[in-house]
Amino acid sequence: MARATNGKQHHKKKAKILKDAKGYIGARSKLYRTAKDARRRALQNEYKDRRRRKRDMRQLWIVRIGAAARLCGISYSKLMSGLHEAKSEINRKMLADLAVRDFDSFKKIVETIKGTAA
């Protein structure tokens, strides 16, 4: 006996998947079977990339802090070591934001770290 594929639930599921696949190129947005595969892969990548975004942002913050620290005459590792020794509550995200938006404040933080290290 063949499986029924014309019921209300099947149509609802199909419509939901095709709606999710809207905007995909070619058959991926038109044909149910292709759209289903494309949507599955998109959801997998979405899950994976939410985790990857955290890594990428941390890398970006480190690069920004390192560049700003070199402008102030100190290495990234010495700056972070000094912050750790000073038991500072400032994290990499806030430091990177200061380095980009308010360089004078960042410079003052670096000078205090240099003062405690010397």
N, C-alpha and C. Protein backbone atom coordinates (compact mmCIF):
# COMPACT_ATOMS: atom_id res chain seq x y z
N MET A 1 0.84 -1.19 0.00
CA MET A 1 0.00 0.00 0.00
C MET A 1 0.88 1.25 0.00
N ALA A 2 0.58 2.18 -0.86
CA ALA A 2 1.39 3.40 -1.00
C ALA A 2 1.14 4.36 0.16
N ARG A 3 2.17 5.14 0.46
CA ARG A 3 2.08 6.12 1.54
C ARG A 3 1.29 7.32 1.06
N ALA A 4 0.36 7.79 1.89
CA ALA A 4 -0.45 8.95 1.51
C ALA A 4 0.39 10.21 1.61
N THR A 5 0.39 11.01 0.58
CA THR A 5 1.18 12.24 0.57
C THR A 5 0.33 13.46 0.24
N ASN A 6 -0.98 13.33 0.35
CA ASN A 6 -1.82 14.46 -0.01
C ASN A 6 -2.65 14.96 1.17
N GLY A 7 -2.22 14.61 2.38
CA GLY A 7 -2.96 15.04 3.56
C GLY A 7 -2.62 16.45 3.98
N LYS A 8 -3.40 16.97 4.90
CA LYS A 8 -3.25 18.34 5.38
C LYS A 8 -1.89 18.55 6.06
N GLN A 9 -1.48 17.60 6.91
CA GLN A 9 -0.21 17.72 7.63
C GLN A 9 0.97 17.74 6.66
N HIS A 10 0.91 16.89 5.64
CA HIS A 10 1.99 16.84 4.66
C HIS A 10 2.10 18.17 3.92
N HIS A 11 0.98 18.75 3.57
CA HIS A 11 1.00 20.04 2.86
C HIS A 11 1.55 21.15 3.76
N LYS A 12 1.17 21.11 5.05
CA LYS A 12 1.67 22.12 5.98
C LYS A 12 3.19 22.03 6.13
N LYS A 13 3.69 20.79 6.26
CA LYS A 13 5.13 20.57 6.40
C LYS A 13 5.88 21.02 5.15
N LYS A 14 5.32 20.67 4.00
CA LYS A 14 5.92 21.04 2.72
C LYS A 14 5.96 22.56 2.56
N ALA A 15 4.87 23.22 2.90
CA ALA A 15 4.79 24.68 2.79
C ALA A 15 5.81 25.34 3.72
N LYS A 16 5.96 24.78 4.92
CA LYS A 16 6.91 25.35 5.88
C LYS A 16 8.34 25.25 5.36
N ILE A 17 8.68 24.10 4.79
CA ILE A 17 10.04 23.91 4.27
C ILE A 17 10.28 24.81 3.07
N LEU A 18 9.31 24.91 2.18
CA LEU A 18 9.48 25.78 1.01
C LEU A 18 9.55 27.25 1.43
N LYS A 19 8.83 27.61 2.48
CA LYS A 19 8.90 28.99 2.99
C LYS A 19 10.29 29.27 3.55
N ASP A 20 10.85 28.30 4.29
CA ASP A 20 12.20 28.46 4.84
C ASP A 20 13.25 28.56 3.74
N ALA A 21 13.02 27.87 2.63
CA ALA A 21 13.98 27.84 1.53
C ALA A 21 13.80 29.01 0.56
N LYS A 22 12.87 29.91 0.86
CA LYS A 22 12.63 31.06 0.01
C LYS A 22 13.92 31.88 -0.09
N GLY A 23 14.29 32.27 -1.29
CA GLY A 23 15.49 33.05 -1.48
C GLY A 23 16.68 32.21 -1.90
N TYR A 24 16.58 30.90 -1.79
CA TYR A 24 17.66 30.03 -2.27
C TYR A 24 17.64 30.06 -3.80
N ILE A 25 18.77 29.76 -4.40
CA ILE A 25 18.91 29.87 -5.85
C ILE A 25 18.35 28.63 -6.56
N GLY A 26 17.62 28.84 -7.63
CA GLY A 26 17.17 27.77 -8.51
C GLY A 26 16.20 26.81 -7.87
N ALA A 27 16.42 25.53 -8.14
CA ALA A 27 15.51 24.48 -7.67
C ALA A 27 15.49 24.38 -6.14
N ARG A 28 16.52 24.87 -5.49
CA ARG A 28 16.59 24.78 -4.03
C ARG A 28 15.44 25.53 -3.36
N SER A 29 14.83 26.47 -4.06
CA SER A 29 13.71 27.19 -3.47
C SER A 29 12.36 26.76 -4.06
N LYS A 30 12.39 25.91 -5.09
CA LYS A 30 11.15 25.56 -5.79
C LYS A 30 10.71 24.11 -5.54
N LEU A 31 11.67 23.19 -5.59
CA LEU A 31 11.35 21.77 -5.50
C LEU A 31 11.48 21.29 -4.06
N TYR A 32 10.48 20.56 -3.61
CA TYR A 32 10.41 20.17 -2.20
C TYR A 32 11.62 19.35 -1.76
N ARG A 33 11.96 18.32 -2.52
CA ARG A 33 13.04 17.43 -2.10
C ARG A 33 14.38 18.17 -2.05
N THR A 34 14.63 18.98 -3.04
CA THR A 34 15.87 19.76 -3.08
C THR A 34 15.88 20.82 -1.99
N ALA A 35 14.73 21.45 -1.78
CA ALA A 35 14.62 22.49 -0.75
C ALA A 35 14.82 21.89 0.64
N LYS A 36 14.32 20.67 0.83
CA LYS A 36 14.45 19.99 2.11
C LYS A 36 15.93 19.76 2.44
N ASP A 37 16.69 19.30 1.44
CA ASP A 37 18.12 19.07 1.65
C ASP A 37 18.87 20.38 1.89
N ALA A 38 18.53 21.40 1.11
CA ALA A 38 19.19 22.70 1.25
C ALA A 38 18.90 23.31 2.62
N ARG A 39 17.68 23.17 3.08
CA ARG A 39 17.29 23.71 4.39
C ARG A 39 18.01 22.98 5.52
N ARG A 40 18.10 21.65 5.39
CA ARG A 40 18.81 20.87 6.41
C ARG A 40 20.26 21.32 6.53
N ARG A 41 20.89 21.48 5.38
CA ARG A 41 22.29 21.91 5.39
C ARG A 41 22.41 23.35 5.94
N ALA A 42 21.47 24.20 5.59
CA ALA A 42 21.50 25.59 6.07
C ALA A 42 21.38 25.62 7.59
N LEU A 43 20.51 24.78 8.14
CA LEU A 43 20.34 24.73 9.60
C LEU A 43 21.60 24.20 10.28
N GLN A 44 22.26 23.22 9.65
CA GLN A 44 23.51 22.70 10.20
C GLN A 44 24.58 23.79 10.23
N ASN A 45 24.69 24.51 9.12
CA ASN A 45 25.69 25.58 9.04
C ASN A 45 25.37 26.70 10.02
N GLU A 46 24.09 27.00 10.19
CA GLU A 46 23.67 28.04 11.12
C GLU A 46 24.11 27.69 12.54
N TYR A 47 23.89 26.45 12.93
CA TYR A 47 24.27 25.97 14.26
C TYR A 47 25.79 26.06 14.45
N LYS A 48 26.51 25.57 13.44
CA LYS A 48 27.97 25.55 13.49
C LYS A 48 28.53 26.97 13.54
N ASP A 49 27.95 27.87 12.74
CA ASP A 49 28.48 29.22 12.63
C ASP A 49 28.15 30.10 13.83
N ARG A 50 27.12 29.74 14.61
CA ARG A 50 26.88 30.47 15.86
C ARG A 50 28.05 30.26 16.80
N ARG A 51 28.61 29.06 16.78
CA ARG A 51 29.78 28.79 17.61
C ARG A 51 31.04 29.41 17.02
N ARG A 52 31.16 29.36 15.69
CA ARG A 52 32.33 29.92 15.01
C ARG A 52 32.40 31.44 15.21
N ARG A 53 31.22 32.11 15.27
CA ARG A 53 31.18 33.56 15.44
C ARG A 53 31.89 33.97 16.73
N LYS A 54 31.70 33.18 17.78
CA LYS A 54 32.34 33.48 19.07
C LYS A 54 33.85 33.44 18.93
N ARG A 55 34.36 32.43 18.21
CA ARG A 55 35.81 32.33 17.98
C ARG A 55 36.32 33.51 17.16
N ASP A 56 35.58 33.81 16.09
CA ASP A 56 36.01 34.88 15.19
C ASP A 56 36.05 36.23 15.89
N MET A 57 35.04 36.49 16.73
CA MET A 57 35.01 37.77 17.43
C MET A 57 36.17 37.89 18.40
N ARG A 58 36.46 36.81 19.14
CA ARG A 58 37.59 36.84 20.07
C ARG A 58 38.90 37.10 19.32
N GLN A 59 39.09 36.45 18.17
CA GLN A 59 40.28 36.69 17.36
C GLN A 59 40.37 38.16 16.93
N LEU A 60 39.23 38.73 16.52
CA LEU A 60 39.21 40.12 16.09
C LEU A 60 39.59 41.05 17.24
N TRP A 61 39.02 40.78 18.44
CA TRP A 61 39.35 41.61 19.60
C TRP A 61 40.84 41.55 19.91
N ILE A 62 41.41 40.36 19.83
CA ILE A 62 42.84 40.19 20.14
C ILE A 62 43.70 40.96 19.14
N VAL A 63 43.33 40.90 17.86
CA VAL A 63 44.08 41.63 16.83
C VAL A 63 44.00 43.13 17.08
N ARG A 64 42.80 43.62 17.39
CA ARG A 64 42.63 45.06 17.63
C ARG A 64 43.41 45.52 18.86
N ILE A 65 43.35 44.74 19.93
CA ILE A 65 44.07 45.11 21.15
C ILE A 65 45.57 45.09 20.89
N GLY A 66 46.04 44.06 20.17
CA GLY A 66 47.46 43.95 19.86
C GLY A 66 47.97 45.12 19.04
N ALA A 67 47.19 45.53 18.05
CA ALA A 67 47.59 46.66 17.19
C ALA A 67 47.65 47.95 18.00
N ALA A 68 46.64 48.17 18.83
CA ALA A 68 46.60 49.40 19.64
C ALA A 68 47.71 49.38 20.69
N ALA A 69 47.98 48.21 21.25
CA ALA A 69 49.03 48.09 22.26
C ALA A 69 50.40 48.40 21.65
N ARG A 70 50.64 47.93 20.44
CA ARG A 70 51.92 48.22 19.78
C ARG A 70 52.08 49.72 19.52
N LEU A 71 50.96 50.40 19.24
CA LEU A 71 51.04 51.86 19.06
C LEU A 71 51.43 52.55 20.37
N CYS A 72 51.09 51.91 21.50
CA CYS A 72 51.43 52.47 22.81
C CYS A 72 52.78 51.97 23.32
N GLY A 73 53.45 51.13 22.54
CA GLY A 73 54.78 50.68 22.90
C GLY A 73 54.82 49.49 23.86
N ILE A 74 53.83 48.62 23.80
CA ILE A 74 53.81 47.43 24.66
C ILE A 74 53.24 46.28 23.83
N SER A 75 53.68 45.06 24.12
CA SER A 75 53.16 43.91 23.37
C SER A 75 51.83 43.47 23.96
N TYR A 76 51.09 42.73 23.18
CA TYR A 76 49.78 42.23 23.62
C TYR A 76 49.93 41.35 24.86
N SER A 77 50.92 40.46 24.82
CA SER A 77 51.08 39.52 25.93
C SER A 77 51.45 40.23 27.23
N LYS A 78 52.29 41.26 27.14
CA LYS A 78 52.66 42.02 28.35
C LYS A 78 51.47 42.81 28.88
N LEU A 79 50.68 43.35 27.97
CA LEU A 79 49.47 44.08 28.38
C LEU A 79 48.50 43.17 29.11
N MET A 80 48.22 42.00 28.53
CA MET A 80 47.28 41.08 29.14
C MET A 80 47.82 40.52 30.46
N SER A 81 49.11 40.29 30.51
CA SER A 81 49.74 39.82 31.74
C SER A 81 49.61 40.89 32.83
N GLY A 82 49.85 42.14 32.47
CA GLY A 82 49.72 43.24 33.42
C GLY A 82 48.29 43.40 33.91
N LEU A 83 47.33 43.25 33.01
CA LEU A 83 45.92 43.34 33.41
C LEU A 83 45.56 42.20 34.37
N HIS A 84 46.10 41.03 34.10
CA HIS A 84 45.82 39.87 34.95
C HIS A 84 46.43 40.07 36.34
N GLU A 85 47.67 40.57 36.39
CA GLU A 85 48.34 40.82 37.68
C GLU A 85 47.62 41.91 38.48
N ALA A 86 47.08 42.90 37.76
CA ALA A 86 46.36 44.00 38.42
C ALA A 86 44.94 43.58 38.82
N LYS A 87 44.57 42.33 38.50
CA LYS A 87 43.22 41.81 38.78
C LYS A 87 42.14 42.74 38.22
N SER A 88 42.37 43.15 36.98
CA SER A 88 41.45 44.06 36.31
C SER A 88 40.19 43.31 35.86
N GLU A 89 39.06 43.98 35.93
CA GLU A 89 37.79 43.39 35.52
C GLU A 89 37.49 43.63 34.05
N ILE A 90 38.37 44.35 33.36
CA ILE A 90 38.11 44.69 31.96
C ILE A 90 38.45 43.48 31.08
N ASN A 91 37.54 43.14 30.18
CA ASN A 91 37.75 41.97 29.31
C ASN A 91 38.20 42.40 27.92
N ARG A 92 38.48 41.41 27.08
CA ARG A 92 39.01 41.69 25.74
C ARG A 92 38.01 42.47 24.89
N LYS A 93 36.74 42.16 25.03
CA LYS A 93 35.72 42.85 24.24
C LYS A 93 35.72 44.34 24.56
N MET A 94 35.75 44.68 25.84
CA MET A 94 35.74 46.09 26.25
C MET A 94 37.05 46.78 25.86
N LEU A 95 38.17 46.07 26.01
CA LEU A 95 39.46 46.64 25.62
C LEU A 95 39.50 46.96 24.14
N ALA A 96 39.02 46.02 23.32
CA ALA A 96 39.01 46.24 21.87
C ALA A 96 38.12 47.41 21.50
N ASP A 97 37.00 47.54 22.19
CA ASP A 97 36.09 48.65 21.92
C ASP A 97 36.75 49.98 22.28
N LEU A 98 37.46 50.00 23.40
CA LEU A 98 38.19 51.21 23.79
C LEU A 98 39.27 51.53 22.78
N ALA A 99 39.99 50.51 22.33
CA ALA A 99 41.08 50.72 21.37
C ALA A 99 40.56 51.34 20.08
N VAL A 100 39.36 50.96 19.67
CA VAL A 100 38.81 51.46 18.41
C VAL A 100 38.13 52.81 18.59
N ARG A 101 37.31 52.95 19.64
CA ARG A 101 36.47 54.14 19.78
C ARG A 101 37.10 55.26 20.61
N ASP A 102 37.86 54.88 21.65
CA ASP A 102 38.39 55.89 22.56
C ASP A 102 39.84 55.56 22.88
N PHE A 103 40.72 55.88 21.94
CA PHE A 103 42.12 55.49 22.07
C PHE A 103 42.81 56.15 23.27
N ASP A 104 42.39 57.36 23.64
CA ASP A 104 43.00 58.03 24.78
C ASP A 104 42.78 57.25 26.08
N SER A 105 41.59 56.73 26.27
CA SER A 105 41.29 55.92 27.46
C SER A 105 42.12 54.64 27.44
N PHE A 106 42.24 54.05 26.26
CA PHE A 106 43.05 52.83 26.13
C PHE A 106 44.50 53.14 26.49
N LYS A 107 44.98 54.29 26.04
CA LYS A 107 46.36 54.69 26.33
C LYS A 107 46.58 54.84 27.85
N LYS A 108 45.59 55.42 28.54
CA LYS A 108 45.69 55.58 30.00
C LYS A 108 45.76 54.22 30.70
N ILE A 109 44.97 53.27 30.22
CA ILE A 109 45.01 51.92 30.80
C ILE A 109 46.39 51.31 30.59
N VAL A 110 46.93 51.47 29.39
CA VAL A 110 48.27 50.93 29.09
C VAL A 110 49.32 51.60 29.97
N GLU A 111 49.20 52.91 30.17
CA GLU A 111 50.18 53.62 31.00
C GLU A 111 50.13 53.13 32.45
N THR A 112 48.94 52.86 32.96
CA THR A 112 48.83 52.34 34.34
C THR A 112 49.44 50.94 34.44
N ILE A 113 49.27 50.14 33.39
CA ILE A 113 49.87 48.80 33.38
C ILE A 113 51.39 48.92 33.32
N LYS A 114 51.89 49.84 32.49
CA LYS A 114 53.34 50.04 32.40
C LYS A 114 53.89 50.52 33.74
N GLY A 115 53.12 51.38 34.40
CA GLY A 115 53.56 51.92 35.71
C GLY A 115 53.65 50.83 36.77
N THR A 116 52.70 49.93 36.80
CA THR A 116 52.73 48.85 37.81
C THR A 116 53.80 47.81 37.47
N ALA A 117 54.08 47.62 36.18
CA ALA A 117 55.09 46.62 35.77
C ALA A 117 56.50 47.12 36.05
N ALA A 118 56.69 48.42 35.99
CA ALA A 118 58.05 48.98 36.14
C ALA A 118 58.47 49.14 37.58
